[in-house]
Amino acid sequence: MINPGEGAVADATVEVAEDTIADFVAAVAERGGQLAGAPVRDPEHDGDGRYGYTLVGVNGRIVRTRIPGAPAASLLGLSSQVPCVYVDDLAWWWRDAVTQTAASIADRRSEGSEVA
């Protein structure tokens, strides 16, 4: 059974996914997520109109994403027609994917605790 938003993304392209991952990374940064570098394409995880990227946080945490090859603006709704973003193999609506990713890669040292 396919859950809402988890189906294949129609007319997806990797070129559009490149723009969308840039928007995703910017949204993650706005929520306090800090990347150690640029997203790295991971074509091994491509499928169903979603394109794999690996994000590494300044805390060393690795987050694997599958970004729809659709414009970010089309991913902001909550209907069954809106493609989900996969974060570490779990499907999330855009806002929740951003929140999950930001929480995973936030630099906790800036909050007074040490990262092991």
C-alpha atoms as a PDB file:
ATOM      1  CA  MET A   1       0.000   0.000   0.000  1.00  0.00           C
ATOM      2  CA  ILE A   2       1.273   3.462  -0.868  1.00  0.00           C
ATOM      3  CA  ASN A   3       0.604   6.160   1.697  1.00  0.00           C
ATOM      4  CA  PRO A   4      -0.336   9.683   0.611  1.00  0.00           C
ATOM      5  CA  GLY A   5       2.645  11.521  -0.813  1.00  0.00           C
ATOM      6  CA  GLU A   6       4.818   8.412  -1.108  1.00  0.00           C
ATOM      7  CA  GLY A   7       3.975   7.543  -4.722  1.00  0.00           C
ATOM      8  CA  ALA A   8       6.175   8.196  -7.718  1.00  0.00           C
ATOM      9  CA  VAL A   9       6.815  11.841  -8.607  1.00  0.00           C
ATOM     10  CA  ALA A  10       5.575  12.599 -12.113  1.00  0.00           C
ATOM     11  CA  ASP A  11       7.832  14.503 -14.524  1.00  0.00           C
ATOM     12  CA  ALA A  12      10.672  14.619 -11.972  1.00  0.00           C
ATOM     13  CA  THR A  13      14.180  15.558 -13.080  1.00  0.00           C
ATOM     14  CA  VAL A  14      17.514  15.620 -11.320  1.00  0.00           C
ATOM     15  CA  GLU A  15      18.000  19.209 -12.494  1.00  0.00           C
ATOM     16  CA  VAL A  16      14.913  20.315 -10.597  1.00  0.00           C
ATOM     17  CA  ALA A  17      15.993  18.199  -7.610  1.00  0.00           C
ATOM     18  CA  GLU A  18      19.278  20.163  -7.535  1.00  0.00           C
ATOM     19  CA  ASP A  19      17.306  23.395  -7.051  1.00  0.00           C
ATOM     20  CA  THR A  20      15.008  21.723  -4.533  1.00  0.00           C
ATOM     21  CA  ILE A  21      17.846  20.375  -2.380  1.00  0.00           C
ATOM     22  CA  ALA A  22      19.302  23.909  -2.276  1.00  0.00           C
ATOM     23  CA  ASP A  23      15.937  25.188  -0.998  1.00  0.00           C
ATOM     24  CA  PHE A  24      15.771  22.298   1.474  1.00  0.00           C
ATOM     25  CA  VAL A  25      19.245  23.029   2.842  1.00  0.00           C
ATOM     26  CA  ALA A  26      18.360  26.722   3.212  1.00  0.00           C
ATOM     27  CA  ALA A  27      15.195  25.793   5.128  1.00  0.00           C
ATOM     28  CA  VAL A  28      17.183  23.424   7.361  1.00  0.00           C
ATOM     29  CA  ALA A  29      19.669  26.233   8.107  1.00  0.00           C
ATOM     30  CA  GLU A  30      16.788  28.570   9.016  1.00  0.00           C
ATOM     31  CA  ARG A  31      15.750  25.966  11.618  1.00  0.00           C
ATOM     32  CA  GLY A  32      19.233  25.781  13.122  1.00  0.00           C
ATOM     33  CA  GLY A  33      20.659  22.842  11.169  1.00  0.00           C
ATOM     34  CA  GLN A  34      24.312  23.272  10.298  1.00  0.00           C
ATOM     35  CA  LEU A  35      25.927  21.368   7.462  1.00  0.00           C
ATOM     36  CA  ALA A  36      29.638  20.554   7.393  1.00  0.00           C
ATOM     37  CA  GLY A  37      29.639  20.971   3.594  1.00  0.00           C
ATOM     38  CA  ALA A  38      27.509  20.888   0.496  1.00  0.00           C
ATOM     39  CA  PRO A  39      24.982  18.079  -0.066  1.00  0.00           C
ATOM     40  CA  VAL A  40      26.513  15.113  -1.882  1.00  0.00           C
ATOM     41  CA  ARG A  41      24.546  13.425  -4.685  1.00  0.00           C
ATOM     42  CA  ASP A  42      23.890   9.774  -3.957  1.00  0.00           C
ATOM     43  CA  PRO A  43      22.430   8.324  -7.186  1.00  0.00           C
ATOM     44  CA  GLU A  44      22.365   4.853  -5.648  1.00  0.00           C
ATOM     45  CA  HIS A  45      19.324   5.973  -3.666  1.00  0.00           C
ATOM     46  CA  ASP A  46      17.410   7.483  -6.607  1.00  0.00           C
ATOM     47  CA  GLY A  47      13.968   6.111  -7.389  1.00  0.00           C
ATOM     48  CA  ASP A  48      10.362   7.009  -8.113  1.00  0.00           C
ATOM     49  CA  GLY A  49      11.239  10.572  -9.097  1.00  0.00           C
ATOM     50  CA  ARG A  50      13.236  11.213  -5.929  1.00  0.00           C
ATOM     51  CA  TYR A  51      16.967  11.826  -5.906  1.00  0.00           C
ATOM     52  CA  GLY A  52      19.383  10.797  -3.196  1.00  0.00           C
ATOM     53  CA  TYR A  53      21.562  13.250  -1.309  1.00  0.00           C
ATOM     54  CA  THR A  54      23.745  12.784   1.730  1.00  0.00           C
ATOM     55  CA  LEU A  55      23.948  15.631   4.222  1.00  0.00           C
ATOM     56  CA  VAL A  56      26.606  15.767   6.922  1.00  0.00           C
ATOM     57  CA  GLY A  57      26.051  17.956   9.942  1.00  0.00           C
ATOM     58  CA  VAL A  58      28.776  19.846  11.780  1.00  0.00           C
ATOM     59  CA  ASN A  59      28.092  17.389  14.601  1.00  0.00           C
ATOM     60  CA  GLY A  60      29.178  14.520  12.318  1.00  0.00           C
ATOM     61  CA  ARG A  61      25.664  13.121  11.909  1.00  0.00           C
ATOM     62  CA  ILE A  62      24.900  11.790   8.431  1.00  0.00           C
ATOM     63  CA  VAL A  63      21.385  12.245   7.065  1.00  0.00           C
ATOM     64  CA  ARG A  64      20.318  10.538   3.854  1.00  0.00           C
ATOM     65  CA  THR A  65      17.583  12.287   1.941  1.00  0.00           C
ATOM     66  CA  ARG A  66      15.558  11.514  -1.158  1.00  0.00           C
ATOM     67  CA  ILE A  67      14.366  14.797  -2.617  1.00  0.00           C
ATOM     68  CA  PRO A  68      11.530  14.906  -5.158  1.00  0.00           C
ATOM     69  CA  GLY A  69      12.563  16.231  -8.550  1.00  0.00           C
ATOM     70  CA  ALA A  70       9.787  18.808  -8.299  1.00  0.00           C
ATOM     71  CA  PRO A  71       9.962  22.503  -7.395  1.00  0.00           C
ATOM     72  CA  ALA A  72      10.099  23.167  -3.646  1.00  0.00           C
ATOM     73  CA  ALA A  73       6.992  25.366  -3.888  1.00  0.00           C
ATOM     74  CA  SER A  74       5.001  22.319  -5.009  1.00  0.00           C
ATOM     75  CA  LEU A  75       6.073  20.356  -1.910  1.00  0.00           C
ATOM     76  CA  LEU A  76       4.677  22.696   0.735  1.00  0.00           C
ATOM     77  CA  GLY A  77       1.123  21.350   0.994  1.00  0.00           C
ATOM     78  CA  LEU A  78      -0.323  18.446   2.941  1.00  0.00           C
ATOM     79  CA  SER A  79      -2.557  16.777   0.369  1.00  0.00           C
ATOM     80  CA  SER A  80      -2.128  13.255  -0.940  1.00  0.00           C
ATOM     81  CA  GLN A  81      -0.974  14.811  -4.219  1.00  0.00           C
ATOM     82  CA  VAL A  82       2.081  16.442  -2.612  1.00  0.00           C
ATOM     83  CA  PRO A  83       5.237  14.308  -2.780  1.00  0.00           C
ATOM     84  CA  CYS A  84       6.969  13.542   0.490  1.00  0.00           C
ATOM     85  CA  VAL A  85      10.656  14.004   1.200  1.00  0.00           C
ATOM     86  CA  TYR A  86      12.427  10.948   2.582  1.00  0.00           C
ATOM     87  CA  VAL A  87      14.789  11.493   5.508  1.00  0.00           C
ATOM     88  CA  ASP A  88      16.715   8.408   6.587  1.00  0.00           C
ATOM     89  CA  ASP A  89      14.176   6.207   4.756  1.00  0.00           C
ATOM     90  CA  LEU A  90      11.124   7.757   6.443  1.00  0.00           C
ATOM     91  CA  ALA A  91       8.599   9.814   4.455  1.00  0.00           C
ATOM     92  CA  TRP A  92       7.830  13.311   5.729  1.00  0.00           C
ATOM     93  CA  TRP A  93       5.935  16.319   4.456  1.00  0.00           C
ATOM     94  CA  TRP A  94       8.345  19.156   3.590  1.00  0.00           C
ATOM     95  CA  ARG A  95       8.039  21.094   6.860  1.00  0.00           C
ATOM     96  CA  ASP A  96       8.478  17.987   8.986  1.00  0.00           C
ATOM     97  CA  ALA A  97      11.409  16.772   6.856  1.00  0.00           C
ATOM     98  CA  VAL A  98      13.113  20.119   7.403  1.00  0.00           C
ATOM     99  CA  THR A  99      12.460  19.949  11.154  1.00  0.00           C
ATOM    100  CA  GLN A 100      13.733  16.354  11.438  1.00  0.00           C
ATOM    101  CA  THR A 101      16.872  17.122   9.466  1.00  0.00           C
ATOM    102  CA  ALA A 102      17.634  20.331  11.360  1.00  0.00           C
ATOM    103  CA  ALA A 103      17.269  18.555  14.697  1.00  0.00           C
ATOM    104  CA  SER A 104      19.596  15.769  13.551  1.00  0.00           C
ATOM    105  CA  ILE A 105      22.416  18.021  12.382  1.00  0.00           C
ATOM    106  CA  ALA A 106      22.203  20.915  14.824  1.00  0.00           C
ATOM    107  CA  ASP A 107      25.465  21.736  16.571  1.00  0.00           C
ATOM    108  CA  ARG A 108      24.515  20.919  20.148  1.00  0.00           C
ATOM    109  CA  ARG A 109      27.830  22.327  21.394  1.00  0.00           C
ATOM    110  CA  SER A 110      26.405  25.791  20.905  1.00  0.00           C
ATOM    111  CA  GLU A 111      23.695  24.876  23.415  1.00  0.00           C
ATOM    112  CA  GLY A 112      26.167  23.982  26.148  1.00  0.00           C
ATOM    113  CA  SER A 113      26.368  20.212  25.728  1.00  0.00           C
ATOM    114  CA  GLU A 114      29.251  18.323  24.183  1.00  0.00           C
ATOM    115  CA  VAL A 115      29.041  16.062  21.180  1.00  0.00           C
ATOM    116  CA  ALA A 116      30.725  12.705  21.654  1.00  0.00           C
END
